[in-house]
Protein backbone atom coordinates (compact mmCIF):
# COMPACT_ATOMS: atom_id res chain seq x y z
CA UNK A 1 -13.66 40.06 -90.05
CA UNK A 2 -10.16 40.39 -91.36
CA UNK A 3 -11.37 40.11 -94.96
CA UNK A 4 -13.89 42.91 -94.49
CA UNK A 5 -11.33 45.17 -92.89
CA UNK A 6 -8.98 44.52 -95.78
CA UNK A 7 -11.63 45.42 -98.31
CA UNK A 8 -12.54 48.58 -96.46
CA UNK A 9 -8.92 49.61 -96.36
CA UNK A 10 -8.57 48.88 -100.07
CA UNK A 11 -11.69 50.90 -100.87
CA UNK A 12 -10.43 53.73 -98.72
CA UNK A 13 -7.11 53.80 -100.58
CA UNK A 14 -8.95 53.73 -103.91
CA UNK A 15 -11.18 56.61 -102.75
CA UNK A 16 -8.12 58.62 -101.73
CA UNK A 17 -6.58 58.11 -105.19
CA UNK A 18 -9.76 59.26 -106.91
CA UNK A 19 -9.98 62.22 -104.58
CA UNK A 20 -6.40 63.28 -105.40
CA UNK A 21 -7.11 62.97 -109.14
CA UNK A 22 -10.32 64.97 -108.73
CA UNK A 23 -8.47 67.78 -106.92
CA UNK A 24 -5.75 67.81 -109.60
CA UNK A 25 -8.38 67.95 -112.34
CA UNK A 26 -10.18 70.83 -110.59
CA UNK A 27 -6.92 72.73 -110.20
CA UNK A 28 -6.22 72.27 -113.90
CA UNK A 29 -9.68 73.57 -114.79
CA UNK A 30 -9.23 76.61 -112.53
CA UNK A 31 -5.80 77.26 -114.02
CA UNK A 32 -7.24 77.00 -117.56
CA UNK A 33 -10.00 79.51 -116.74
CA UNK A 34 -7.49 81.91 -115.20
CA UNK A 35 -5.28 81.62 -118.27
CA UNK A 36 -8.28 82.29 -120.51
CA UNK A 37 -9.19 85.31 -118.37
CA UNK A 38 -5.66 86.64 -118.70
CA UNK A 39 -5.94 86.27 -122.47
CA UNK A 40 -9.14 88.37 -122.38
CA UNK A 41 -7.20 91.17 -120.71
CA UNK A 42 -4.72 91.40 -123.57
CA UNK A 43 -3.61 94.85 -124.70
CA UNK A 44 -5.87 94.50 -127.74
CA UNK A 45 -8.93 94.46 -125.50
CA UNK A 46 -7.80 97.35 -123.35
CA UNK A 47 -6.93 99.48 -126.37
CA UNK A 48 -10.53 100.09 -127.44
CA UNK A 49 -11.95 103.60 -127.29
CA UNK A 50 -15.14 105.29 -128.44
CA UNK A 51 -15.78 108.16 -130.80
CA UNK A 52 -18.53 110.25 -129.23
CA UNK A 53 -20.92 112.88 -130.48
CA UNK A 54 -19.77 116.47 -130.04
CA UNK A 55 -23.22 117.95 -130.54
CA UNK A 56 -26.87 117.00 -130.46
CA UNK A 57 -28.87 116.56 -133.61
CA UNK A 58 -29.39 114.19 -136.50
CA UNK A 59 -26.39 111.95 -137.24
CA UNK A 60 -25.47 111.56 -140.90
CA UNK A 61 -23.05 108.82 -141.90
CA UNK A 62 -22.57 110.18 -145.45
CA UNK A 63 -22.02 113.58 -147.02
CA UNK A 64 -25.33 113.37 -148.91
CA UNK A 65 -28.32 110.99 -148.83
CA UNK A 66 -27.46 107.74 -150.58
CA UNK A 67 -23.78 108.67 -150.75
CA UNK A 68 -20.90 106.53 -149.55
CA UNK A 69 -20.44 106.59 -145.77
CA UNK A 70 -17.54 108.52 -144.31
CA UNK A 71 -16.38 105.34 -142.53
CA UNK A 72 -17.49 101.73 -142.27
CA UNK A 73 -16.73 98.73 -140.11
CA UNK A 74 -13.03 98.00 -140.63
CA UNK A 75 -12.15 101.50 -141.85
CA UNK A 76 -8.82 102.87 -140.67
CA UNK A 77 -9.07 106.36 -139.18
CA UNK A 78 -6.66 109.08 -138.16
CA UNK A 79 -7.44 111.75 -135.55
CA UNK A 80 -8.63 114.19 -138.23
CA UNK A 81 -10.73 111.67 -140.23
CA UNK A 82 -14.37 112.76 -140.43
CA UNK A 83 -16.59 109.85 -139.35
CA UNK A 84 -19.92 111.62 -139.76
CA UNK A 85 -21.75 114.91 -139.46
CA UNK A 86 -24.50 116.09 -137.16
CA UNK A 87 -27.30 118.26 -138.49
CA UNK A 88 -28.82 120.59 -135.90
CA UNK A 89 -32.43 119.87 -135.01
CA UNK A 90 -33.25 123.56 -134.95
CA UNK A 91 -31.57 125.87 -137.48
CA UNK A 92 -31.13 128.57 -134.83
CA UNK A 93 -28.73 126.31 -132.90
CA UNK A 94 -25.95 126.17 -135.48
CA UNK A 95 -25.81 127.64 -138.95
CA UNK A 96 -24.42 124.45 -140.53
CA UNK A 97 -23.66 120.80 -139.86
CA UNK A 98 -21.05 119.84 -137.27
CA UNK A 99 -18.34 117.46 -138.47
CA UNK A 100 -17.36 114.64 -136.11
CA UNK A 101 -13.63 113.83 -136.26
CA UNK A 102 -12.37 110.42 -135.17
CA UNK A 103 -9.95 111.88 -132.65
CA UNK A 104 -7.98 108.60 -132.60
CA UNK A 105 -5.72 106.58 -134.87
CA UNK A 106 -7.02 103.07 -135.32
CA UNK A 107 -9.62 100.80 -136.91
CA UNK A 108 -13.42 101.01 -136.60
CA UNK A 109 -14.45 97.77 -134.86
CA UNK A 110 -18.10 98.58 -134.17
CA UNK A 111 -20.66 100.95 -135.62
CA UNK A 112 -22.98 101.89 -132.77
CA UNK A 113 -25.15 104.57 -134.40
CA UNK A 114 -27.08 104.44 -137.67
CA UNK A 115 -27.56 107.12 -140.27
CA UNK A 116 -30.51 109.35 -139.44
CA UNK A 117 -30.63 108.70 -135.69
CA UNK A 118 -30.84 111.55 -133.22
CA UNK A 119 -27.74 111.77 -131.01
CA UNK A 120 -26.87 113.71 -127.89
CA UNK A 121 -23.59 115.16 -126.67
CA UNK A 122 -21.24 112.42 -125.46
CA UNK A 123 -23.21 109.57 -127.02
CA UNK A 124 -21.05 106.74 -128.39
CA UNK A 125 -20.99 106.54 -132.18
CA UNK A 126 -18.16 104.15 -133.05
CA UNK A 127 -15.78 101.80 -131.28
CA UNK A 128 -12.13 102.04 -132.35
CA UNK A 129 -9.27 99.62 -131.81
CA UNK A 130 -6.24 101.87 -131.39
CA UNK A 131 -3.14 101.26 -133.45
CA UNK A 132 -0.26 99.95 -131.35
CA UNK A 133 2.20 102.67 -130.41
CA UNK A 134 5.20 102.95 -132.68
CA UNK A 135 8.46 101.97 -130.99
CA UNK A 136 10.71 104.96 -130.50
CA UNK A 137 14.06 104.60 -132.18
CA UNK A 138 16.87 105.66 -129.92
CA UNK A 139 20.27 106.02 -131.53
CA UNK A 140 22.96 103.91 -129.90
CA UNK A 141 24.98 105.71 -127.29
CA UNK A 142 28.64 106.05 -128.10
CA UNK A 143 30.66 107.13 -125.08
CA UNK A 144 33.80 107.58 -127.18
CA UNK A 145 32.33 110.24 -129.46
CA UNK A 146 33.23 113.13 -127.14
């Protein structure tokens, strides 16, 4: 009897050790996933915005058919950069094409719309990764200058 009780106690201790190691391993896995999730919420990810259509009509990515596109994937844009034009579907709507400015300063990270597609007001056209804000330079304060 004594031998069996000793073995059971030994197995129980071994089980407890494995259980502790299992809990530690699970905690490490959870911590790793939380750290990875925090990396996904970096400022780079939260600094993405969309350029949207300002009118409805036919989206044109270039000034003329077969011409170079206004912007491409990876293009850097400023707020006044033209990213495309929209041709009205009915000439009575607008007398000419409507230019679509970027409205942001950054880099085109995704082209959502293709040349020749019909777009509506507010429809997403491009995704932009905003440039990081420039640090403001503050001159050093000199209290003895008065």
